[in-house]
Each structure stands twice: as structure tokens, then as C-alpha cells.
Amino acid sequence: MRILAAKPATTLLVTHGITEAIFLADQVAVMSPRPGRVKEIIDIDLPRPRTPEIQRTPEFHAYVDHASDLLFGAGGAAAEED
């Protein structure tokens, strides 16, 4: 976060951590399983600079829930292929 604030740049971060992606990114591309395709791009509209406290907000949890639903389907079951 300190580096981004000091020298803004476009960065691509690949992670399996949903909360990490939402916390760090302005956009999150959710991928489908094999073959990997972009299922949806989620625009993250949370204020910057982001502090760890933002992870306790309803807005943050709404983004996490949406990304989780895209990955695993509603109710936590593995999502079916389209």
C-alpha cells in the first residue's frame, strides 16, 4: 500500500485470496475454471487509502460475498460450468 501511494502505477496481481484481492484492487477479474476465462470484472468502489479496518465494513463484505458466489455458487457449493 505504501509503494502504491508513493508511486501510482497499473499493476496486475494474481491471487487466490478473495479478501486480499478486494482489499488491494480497484478491479477484480473473477476467473472460471478450465479453460480459464474472465467470468466477471468487479469494480471495487472503496475509499483509498485502505486500512485493515475497511475489512469490517458491510461494503467490503458485500464485495467478498459477490466474488465468492461467482467462484463457488450461492450457498457455498461448487459452481456448475456454464
PDB file of N, CA and C in Angstrom:
ATOM      1  N   MET A   1       0.828  -1.181   0.000  1.00  0.00           N
ATOM      2  CA  MET A   1       0.000   0.000   0.000  1.00  0.00           C
ATOM      3  C   MET A   1       0.880   1.255   0.000  1.00  0.00           C
ATOM      4  N   ARG A   2       1.964   1.216   0.747  1.00  0.00           N
ATOM      5  CA  ARG A   2       2.866   2.366   0.817  1.00  0.00           C
ATOM      6  C   ARG A   2       3.479   2.654  -0.548  1.00  0.00           C
ATOM      7  N   ILE A   3       3.894   1.618  -1.258  1.00  0.00           N
ATOM      8  CA  ILE A   3       4.512   1.790  -2.575  1.00  0.00           C
ATOM      9  C   ILE A   3       3.498   2.353  -3.565  1.00  0.00           C
ATOM     10  N   LEU A   4       2.286   1.846  -3.549  1.00  0.00           N
ATOM     11  CA  LEU A   4       1.245   2.328  -4.454  1.00  0.00           C
ATOM     12  C   LEU A   4       0.944   3.797  -4.195  1.00  0.00           C
ATOM     13  N   ALA A   5       0.908   4.208  -2.936  1.00  0.00           N
ATOM     14  CA  ALA A   5       0.639   5.607  -2.606  1.00  0.00           C
ATOM     15  C   ALA A   5       1.780   6.511  -3.066  1.00  0.00           C
ATOM     16  N   ALA A   6       3.013   6.022  -2.963  1.00  0.00           N
ATOM     17  CA  ALA A   6       4.170   6.833  -3.330  1.00  0.00           C
ATOM     18  C   ALA A   6       4.362   6.934  -4.839  1.00  0.00           C
ATOM     19  N   LYS A   7       4.068   5.860  -5.551  1.00  0.00           N
ATOM     20  CA  LYS A   7       4.304   5.821  -6.991  1.00  0.00           C
ATOM     21  C   LYS A   7       3.182   5.054  -7.677  1.00  0.00           C
ATOM     22  N   PRO A   8       2.042   5.730  -7.941  1.00  0.00           N
ATOM     23  CA  PRO A   8       0.908   5.044  -8.565  1.00  0.00           C
ATOM     24  C   PRO A   8       1.291   4.425  -9.912  1.00  0.00           C
ATOM     25  N   ALA A   9       0.824   3.211 -10.131  1.00  0.00           N
ATOM     26  CA  ALA A   9       1.104   2.513 -11.382  1.00  0.00           C
ATOM     27  C   ALA A   9       0.025   1.453 -11.599  1.00  0.00           C
ATOM     28  N   THR A  10      -0.152   1.071 -12.840  1.00  0.00           N
ATOM     29  CA  THR A  10      -1.038  -0.049 -13.147  1.00  0.00           C
ATOM     30  C   THR A  10      -0.302  -1.326 -12.794  1.00  0.00           C
ATOM     31  N   THR A  11      -0.964  -2.176 -12.011  1.00  0.00           N
ATOM     32  CA  THR A  11      -0.339  -3.406 -11.540  1.00  0.00           C
ATOM     33  C   THR A  11      -1.313  -4.563 -11.715  1.00  0.00           C
ATOM     34  N   LEU A  12      -0.804  -5.702 -12.108  1.00  0.00           N
ATOM     35  CA  LEU A  12      -1.599  -6.922 -12.188  1.00  0.00           C
ATOM     36  C   LEU A  12      -1.176  -7.827 -11.042  1.00  0.00           C
ATOM     37  N   LEU A  13      -2.120  -8.177 -10.196  1.00  0.00           N
ATOM     38  CA  LEU A  13      -1.879  -9.056  -9.055  1.00  0.00           C
ATOM     39  C   LEU A  13      -2.682 -10.331  -9.257  1.00  0.00           C
ATOM     40  N   VAL A  14      -2.021 -11.461  -9.188  1.00  0.00           N
ATOM     41  CA  VAL A  14      -2.703 -12.752  -9.296  1.00  0.00           C
ATOM     42  C   VAL A  14      -2.719 -13.362  -7.900  1.00  0.00           C
ATOM     43  N   THR A  15      -3.911 -13.689  -7.415  1.00  0.00           N
ATOM     44  CA  THR A  15      -4.041 -14.229  -6.065  1.00  0.00           C
ATOM     45  C   THR A  15      -5.219 -15.187  -6.008  1.00  0.00           C
ATOM     46  N   HIS A  16      -5.165 -16.095  -5.050  1.00  0.00           N
ATOM     47  CA  HIS A  16      -6.301 -16.963  -4.756  1.00  0.00           C
ATOM     48  C   HIS A  16      -7.074 -16.441  -3.551  1.00  0.00           C
ATOM     49  N   GLY A  17      -6.604 -15.339  -2.971  1.00  0.00           N
ATOM     50  CA  GLY A  17      -7.237 -14.776  -1.779  1.00  0.00           C
ATOM     51  C   GLY A  17      -8.287 -13.744  -2.146  1.00  0.00           C
ATOM     52  N   ILE A  18      -9.545 -14.050  -1.880  1.00  0.00           N
ATOM     53  CA  ILE A  18     -10.635 -13.139  -2.224  1.00  0.00           C
ATOM     54  C   ILE A  18     -10.513 -11.841  -1.437  1.00  0.00           C
ATOM     55  N   THR A  19     -10.313 -11.924  -0.126  1.00  0.00           N
ATOM     56  CA  THR A  19     -10.222 -10.704   0.674  1.00  0.00           C
ATOM     57  C   THR A  19      -8.997  -9.876   0.278  1.00  0.00           C
ATOM     58  N   GLU A  20      -7.884 -10.546  -0.034  1.00  0.00           N
ATOM     59  CA  GLU A  20      -6.684  -9.836  -0.476  1.00  0.00           C
ATOM     60  C   GLU A  20      -6.958  -9.081  -1.777  1.00  0.00           C
ATOM     61  N   ALA A  21      -7.620  -9.718  -2.716  1.00  0.00           N
ATOM     62  CA  ALA A  21      -7.927  -9.081  -3.994  1.00  0.00           C
ATOM     63  C   ALA A  21      -8.806  -7.856  -3.795  1.00  0.00           C
ATOM     64  N   ILE A  22      -9.844  -7.976  -2.984  1.00  0.00           N
ATOM     65  CA  ILE A  22     -10.764  -6.853  -2.761  1.00  0.00           C
ATOM     66  C   ILE A  22     -10.057  -5.720  -2.022  1.00  0.00           C
ATOM     67  N   PHE A  23      -9.220  -6.073  -1.058  1.00  0.00           N
ATOM     68  CA  PHE A  23      -8.515  -5.064  -0.273  1.00  0.00           C
ATOM     69  C   PHE A  23      -7.526  -4.268  -1.125  1.00  0.00           C
ATOM     70  N   LEU A  24      -6.815  -4.932  -2.029  1.00  0.00           N
ATOM     71  CA  LEU A  24      -5.744  -4.281  -2.774  1.00  0.00           C
ATOM     72  C   LEU A  24      -6.174  -3.675  -4.111  1.00  0.00           C
ATOM     73  N   ALA A  25      -7.228  -4.206  -4.723  1.00  0.00           N
ATOM     74  CA  ALA A  25      -7.520  -3.857  -6.115  1.00  0.00           C
ATOM     75  C   ALA A  25      -8.610  -2.807  -6.280  1.00  0.00           C
ATOM     76  N   ASP A  26      -8.580  -2.159  -7.449  1.00  0.00           N
ATOM     77  CA  ASP A  26      -9.672  -1.289  -7.878  1.00  0.00           C
ATOM     78  C   ASP A  26     -10.633  -2.059  -8.778  1.00  0.00           C
ATOM     79  N   GLN A  27     -10.134  -3.142  -9.384  1.00  0.00           N
ATOM     80  CA  GLN A  27     -10.959  -4.052 -10.170  1.00  0.00           C
ATOM     81  C   GLN A  27     -10.482  -5.466  -9.899  1.00  0.00           C
ATOM     82  N   VAL A  28     -11.448  -6.396  -9.820  1.00  0.00           N
ATOM     83  CA  VAL A  28     -11.128  -7.807  -9.606  1.00  0.00           C
ATOM     84  C   VAL A  28     -11.737  -8.594 -10.763  1.00  0.00           C
ATOM     85  N   ALA A  29     -10.892  -9.329 -11.487  1.00  0.00           N
ATOM     86  CA  ALA A  29     -11.365 -10.202 -12.559  1.00  0.00           C
ATOM     87  C   ALA A  29     -11.528 -11.602 -11.975  1.00  0.00           C
ATOM     88  N   VAL A  30     -12.750 -12.081 -11.920  1.00  0.00           N
ATOM     89  CA  VAL A  30     -13.031 -13.422 -11.401  1.00  0.00           C
ATOM     90  C   VAL A  30     -12.960 -14.387 -12.574  1.00  0.00           C
ATOM     91  N   MET A  31     -12.134 -15.418 -12.420  1.00  0.00           N
ATOM     92  CA  MET A  31     -11.901 -16.370 -13.499  1.00  0.00           C
ATOM     93  C   MET A  31     -12.752 -17.626 -13.330  1.00  0.00           C
ATOM     94  N   SER A  32     -13.096 -18.236 -14.457  1.00  0.00           N
ATOM     95  CA  SER A  32     -13.779 -19.523 -14.448  1.00  0.00           C
ATOM     96  C   SER A  32     -12.729 -20.629 -14.383  1.00  0.00           C
ATOM     97  N   PRO A  33     -13.157 -21.845 -14.006  1.00  0.00           N
ATOM     98  CA  PRO A  33     -12.205 -22.965 -14.066  1.00  0.00           C
ATOM     99  C   PRO A  33     -11.906 -23.331 -15.519  1.00  0.00           C
ATOM    100  N   ARG A  34     -11.096 -24.335 -15.698  1.00  0.00           N
ATOM    101  CA  ARG A  34     -10.602 -24.764 -17.011  1.00  0.00           C
ATOM    102  C   ARG A  34     -11.686 -24.796 -18.078  1.00  0.00           C
ATOM    103  N   PRO A  35     -11.477 -24.197 -19.232  1.00  0.00           N
ATOM    104  CA  PRO A  35     -10.382 -23.294 -19.516  1.00  0.00           C
ATOM    105  C   PRO A  35     -10.626 -21.955 -18.821  1.00  0.00           C
ATOM    106  N   GLY A  36      -9.589 -21.366 -18.301  1.00  0.00           N
ATOM    107  CA  GLY A  36      -9.715 -20.108 -17.565  1.00  0.00           C
ATOM    108  C   GLY A  36     -10.195 -18.972 -18.452  1.00  0.00           C
ATOM    109  N   ARG A  37     -11.312 -18.409 -18.086  1.00  0.00           N
ATOM    110  CA  ARG A  37     -11.890 -17.265 -18.793  1.00  0.00           C
ATOM    111  C   ARG A  37     -12.323 -16.256 -17.733  1.00  0.00           C
ATOM    112  N   VAL A  38     -12.359 -14.989 -18.120  1.00  0.00           N
ATOM    113  CA  VAL A  38     -12.859 -13.970 -17.202  1.00  0.00           C
ATOM    114  C   VAL A  38     -14.372 -14.126 -17.116  1.00  0.00           C
ATOM    115  N   LYS A  39     -14.835 -14.453 -15.919  1.00  0.00           N
ATOM    116  CA  LYS A  39     -16.263 -14.649 -15.680  1.00  0.00           C
ATOM    117  C   LYS A  39     -16.956 -13.308 -15.456  1.00  0.00           C
ATOM    118  N   GLU A  40     -16.300 -12.436 -14.690  1.00  0.00           N
ATOM    119  CA  GLU A  40     -16.845 -11.103 -14.431  1.00  0.00           C
ATOM    120  C   GLU A  40     -15.725 -10.216 -13.897  1.00  0.00           C
ATOM    121  N   ILE A  41     -15.805  -8.935 -14.243  1.00  0.00           N
ATOM    122  CA  ILE A  41     -14.898  -7.948 -13.662  1.00  0.00           C
ATOM    123  C   ILE A  41     -15.711  -7.133 -12.670  1.00  0.00           C
ATOM    124  N   ILE A  42     -15.252  -7.122 -11.416  1.00  0.00           N
ATOM    125  CA  ILE A  42     -15.933  -6.398 -10.345  1.00  0.00           C
ATOM    126  C   ILE A  42     -15.169  -5.100 -10.086  1.00  0.00           C
ATOM    127  N   ASP A  43     -15.845  -3.968 -10.241  1.00  0.00           N
ATOM    128  CA  ASP A  43     -15.249  -2.681  -9.892  1.00  0.00           C
ATOM    129  C   ASP A  43     -15.361  -2.493  -8.390  1.00  0.00           C
ATOM    130  N   ILE A  44     -14.239  -2.262  -7.720  1.00  0.00           N
ATOM    131  CA  ILE A  44     -14.204  -2.113  -6.268  1.00  0.00           C
ATOM    132  C   ILE A  44     -14.219  -0.620  -5.943  1.00  0.00           C
ATOM    133  N   ASP A  45     -15.336  -0.142  -5.420  1.00  0.00           N
ATOM    134  CA  ASP A  45     -15.504   1.271  -5.097  1.00  0.00           C
ATOM    135  C   ASP A  45     -15.408   1.462  -3.581  1.00  0.00           C
ATOM    136  N   LEU A  46     -14.187   1.333  -3.078  1.00  0.00           N
ATOM    137  CA  LEU A  46     -13.907   1.548  -1.659  1.00  0.00           C
ATOM    138  C   LEU A  46     -12.887   2.678  -1.563  1.00  0.00           C
ATOM    139  N   PRO A  47     -12.970   3.494  -0.516  1.00  0.00           N
ATOM    140  CA  PRO A  47     -12.055   4.635  -0.414  1.00  0.00           C
ATOM    141  C   PRO A  47     -10.601   4.219  -0.244  1.00  0.00           C
ATOM    142  N   ARG A  48      -9.714   5.076  -0.710  1.00  0.00           N
ATOM    143  CA  ARG A  48      -8.272   4.908  -0.526  1.00  0.00           C
ATOM    144  C   ARG A  48      -7.773   6.081   0.270  1.00  0.00           C
ATOM    145  N   PRO A  49      -6.752   5.933   1.068  1.00  0.00           N
ATOM    146  CA  PRO A  49      -6.026   4.692   1.314  1.00  0.00           C
ATOM    147  C   PRO A  49      -6.876   3.723   2.121  1.00  0.00           C
ATOM    148  N   ARG A  50      -6.703   2.448   1.855  1.00  0.00           N
ATOM    149  CA  ARG A  50      -7.461   1.411   2.561  1.00  0.00           C
ATOM    150  C   ARG A  50      -6.673   0.947   3.770  1.00  0.00           C
ATOM    151  N   THR A  51      -7.349   0.924   4.872  1.00  0.00           N
ATOM    152  CA  THR A  51      -6.745   0.426   6.109  1.00  0.00           C
ATOM    153  C   THR A  51      -7.385  -0.914   6.443  1.00  0.00           C
ATOM    154  N   PRO A  52      -6.758  -1.720   7.282  1.00  0.00           N
ATOM    155  CA  PRO A  52      -7.344  -3.023   7.623  1.00  0.00           C
ATOM    156  C   PRO A  52      -8.768  -2.928   8.185  1.00  0.00           C
ATOM    157  N   GLU A  53      -9.128  -1.801   8.781  1.00  0.00           N
ATOM    158  CA  GLU A  53     -10.472  -1.642   9.354  1.00  0.00           C
ATOM    159  C   GLU A  53     -11.569  -1.718   8.295  1.00  0.00           C
ATOM    160  N   ILE A  54     -11.244  -1.397   7.046  1.00  0.00           N
ATOM    161  CA  ILE A  54     -12.255  -1.442   5.991  1.00  0.00           C
ATOM    162  C   ILE A  54     -12.793  -2.858   5.801  1.00  0.00           C
ATOM    163  N   GLN A  55     -11.992  -3.860   6.179  1.00  0.00           N
ATOM    164  CA  GLN A  55     -12.413  -5.255   6.029  1.00  0.00           C
ATOM    165  C   GLN A  55     -13.562  -5.618   6.962  1.00  0.00           C
ATOM    166  N   ARG A  56     -13.888  -4.750   7.891  1.00  0.00           N
ATOM    167  CA  ARG A  56     -15.005  -4.993   8.819  1.00  0.00           C
ATOM    168  C   ARG A  56     -16.299  -4.338   8.362  1.00  0.00           C
ATOM    169  N   THR A  57     -16.268  -3.638   7.226  1.00  0.00           N
ATOM    170  CA  THR A  57     -17.444  -2.886   6.788  1.00  0.00           C
ATOM    171  C   THR A  57     -18.405  -3.765   5.975  1.00  0.00           C
ATOM    172  N   PRO A  58     -19.688  -3.414   5.997  1.00  0.00           N
ATOM    173  CA  PRO A  58     -20.662  -4.154   5.173  1.00  0.00           C
ATOM    174  C   PRO A  58     -20.352  -4.066   3.685  1.00  0.00           C
ATOM    175  N   GLU A  59     -19.819  -2.938   3.228  1.00  0.00           N
ATOM    176  CA  GLU A  59     -19.495  -2.781   1.811  1.00  0.00           C
ATOM    177  C   GLU A  59     -18.403  -3.769   1.394  1.00  0.00           C
ATOM    178  N   PHE A  60     -17.382  -3.911   2.217  1.00  0.00           N
ATOM    179  CA  PHE A  60     -16.299  -4.853   1.927  1.00  0.00           C
ATOM    180  C   PHE A  60     -16.848  -6.273   1.872  1.00  0.00           C
ATOM    181  N   HIS A  61     -17.669  -6.626   2.844  1.00  0.00           N
ATOM    182  CA  HIS A  61     -18.239  -7.985   2.885  1.00  0.00           C
ATOM    183  C   HIS A  61     -19.163  -8.249   1.700  1.00  0.00           C
ATOM    184  N   ALA A  62     -19.839  -7.222   1.207  1.00  0.00           N
ATOM    185  CA  ALA A  62     -20.702  -7.404   0.030  1.00  0.00           C
ATOM    186  C   ALA A  62     -19.849  -7.775  -1.195  1.00  0.00           C
ATOM    187  N   TYR A  63     -18.689  -7.131  -1.347  1.00  0.00           N
ATOM    188  CA  TYR A  63     -17.791  -7.491  -2.451  1.00  0.00           C
ATOM    189  C   TYR A  63     -17.258  -8.915  -2.291  1.00  0.00           C
ATOM    190  N   VAL A  64     -16.867  -9.282  -1.086  1.00  0.00           N
ATOM    191  CA  VAL A  64     -16.360 -10.639  -0.823  1.00  0.00           C
ATOM    192  C   VAL A  64     -17.449 -11.674  -1.128  1.00  0.00           C
ATOM    193  N   ASP A  65     -18.666 -11.410  -0.674  1.00  0.00           N
ATOM    194  CA  ASP A  65     -19.772 -12.334  -0.914  1.00  0.00           C
ATOM    195  C   ASP A  65     -20.056 -12.482  -2.410  1.00  0.00           C
ATOM    196  N   HIS A  66     -20.031 -11.372  -3.142  1.00  0.00           N
ATOM    197  CA  HIS A  66     -20.300 -11.426  -4.585  1.00  0.00           C
ATOM    198  C   HIS A  66     -19.227 -12.249  -5.309  1.00  0.00           C
ATOM    199  N   ALA A  67     -17.959 -11.985  -5.007  1.00  0.00           N
ATOM    200  CA  ALA A  67     -16.874 -12.747  -5.638  1.00  0.00           C
ATOM    201  C   ALA A  67     -16.963 -14.229  -5.270  1.00  0.00           C
ATOM    202  N   SER A  68     -17.276 -14.526  -4.012  1.00  0.00           N
ATOM    203  CA  SER A  68     -17.412 -15.921  -3.571  1.00  0.00           C
ATOM    204  C   SER A  68     -18.545 -16.620  -4.302  1.00  0.00           C
ATOM    205  N   ASP A  69     -19.668 -15.915  -4.470  1.00  0.00           N
ATOM    206  CA  ASP A  69     -20.797 -16.502  -5.205  1.00  0.00           C
ATOM    207  C   ASP A  69     -20.414 -16.808  -6.651  1.00  0.00           C
ATOM    208  N   LEU A  70     -19.633 -15.915  -7.279  1.00  0.00           N
ATOM    209  CA  LEU A  70     -19.192 -16.175  -8.650  1.00  0.00           C
ATOM    210  C   LEU A  70     -18.285 -17.401  -8.719  1.00  0.00           C
ATOM    211  N   LEU A  71     -17.420 -17.559  -7.729  1.00  0.00           N
ATOM    212  CA  LEU A  71     -16.481 -18.679  -7.728  1.00  0.00           C
ATOM    213  C   LEU A  71     -17.111 -19.999  -7.312  1.00  0.00           C
ATOM    214  N   PHE A  72     -17.924 -19.954  -6.287  1.00  0.00           N
ATOM    215  CA  PHE A  72     -18.413 -21.190  -5.666  1.00  0.00           C
ATOM    216  C   PHE A  72     -19.912 -21.389  -5.776  1.00  0.00           C
ATOM    217  N   GLY A  73     -20.650 -20.419  -6.293  1.00  0.00           N
ATOM    218  CA  GLY A  73     -22.097 -20.504  -6.370  1.00  0.00           C
ATOM    219  C   GLY A  73     -22.721 -20.130  -5.041  1.00  0.00           C
ATOM    220  N   ALA A  74     -23.968 -19.754  -5.073  1.00  0.00           N
ATOM    221  CA  ALA A  74     -24.696 -19.390  -3.855  1.00  0.00           C
ATOM    222  C   ALA A  74     -24.765 -20.582  -2.919  1.00  0.00           C
ATOM    223  N   GLY A  75     -24.600 -20.332  -1.642  1.00  0.00           N
ATOM    224  CA  GLY A  75     -24.688 -21.401  -0.652  1.00  0.00           C
ATOM    225  C   GLY A  75     -23.399 -22.146  -0.435  1.00  0.00           C
ATOM    226  N   GLY A  76     -22.311 -21.747  -1.120  1.00  0.00           N
ATOM    227  CA  GLY A  76     -21.012 -22.348  -0.883  1.00  0.00           C
ATOM    228  C   GLY A  76     -20.716 -23.613  -1.673  1.00  0.00           C
ATOM    229  N   ALA A  77     -21.660 -24.109  -2.466  1.00  0.00           N
ATOM    230  CA  ALA A  77     -21.405 -25.312  -3.257  1.00  0.00           C
ATOM    231  C   ALA A  77     -20.555 -24.946  -4.460  1.00  0.00           C
ATOM    232  N   ALA A  78     -19.825 -25.902  -4.993  1.00  0.00           N
ATOM    233  CA  ALA A  78     -19.016 -25.659  -6.175  1.00  0.00           C
ATOM    234  C   ALA A  78     -19.918 -25.257  -7.338  1.00  0.00           C
ATOM    235  N   ALA A  79     -19.529 -24.208  -8.044  1.00  0.00           N
ATOM    236  CA  ALA A  79     -20.340 -23.693  -9.143  1.00  0.00           C
ATOM    237  C   ALA A  79     -20.311 -24.651 -10.334  1.00  0.00           C
ATOM    238  N   GLU A  80     -21.429 -24.766 -11.018  1.00  0.00           N
ATOM    239  CA  GLU A  80     -21.529 -25.577 -12.230  1.00  0.00           C
ATOM    240  C   GLU A  80     -20.914 -24.802 -13.388  1.00  0.00           C
ATOM    241  N   GLU A  81     -20.351 -25.485 -14.345  1.00  0.00           N
ATOM    242  CA  GLU A  81     -19.857 -24.855 -15.572  1.00  0.00           C
ATOM    243  C   GLU A  81     -21.040 -24.381 -16.386  1.00  0.00           C
ATOM    244  N   ASP A  82     -20.855 -23.217 -17.071  1.00  0.00           N
ATOM    245  CA  ASP A  82     -21.919 -22.691 -17.950  1.00  0.00           C
ATOM    246  C   ASP A  82     -21.972 -23.482 -19.230  1.00  0.00           C
TER     247      ASP A  82
END
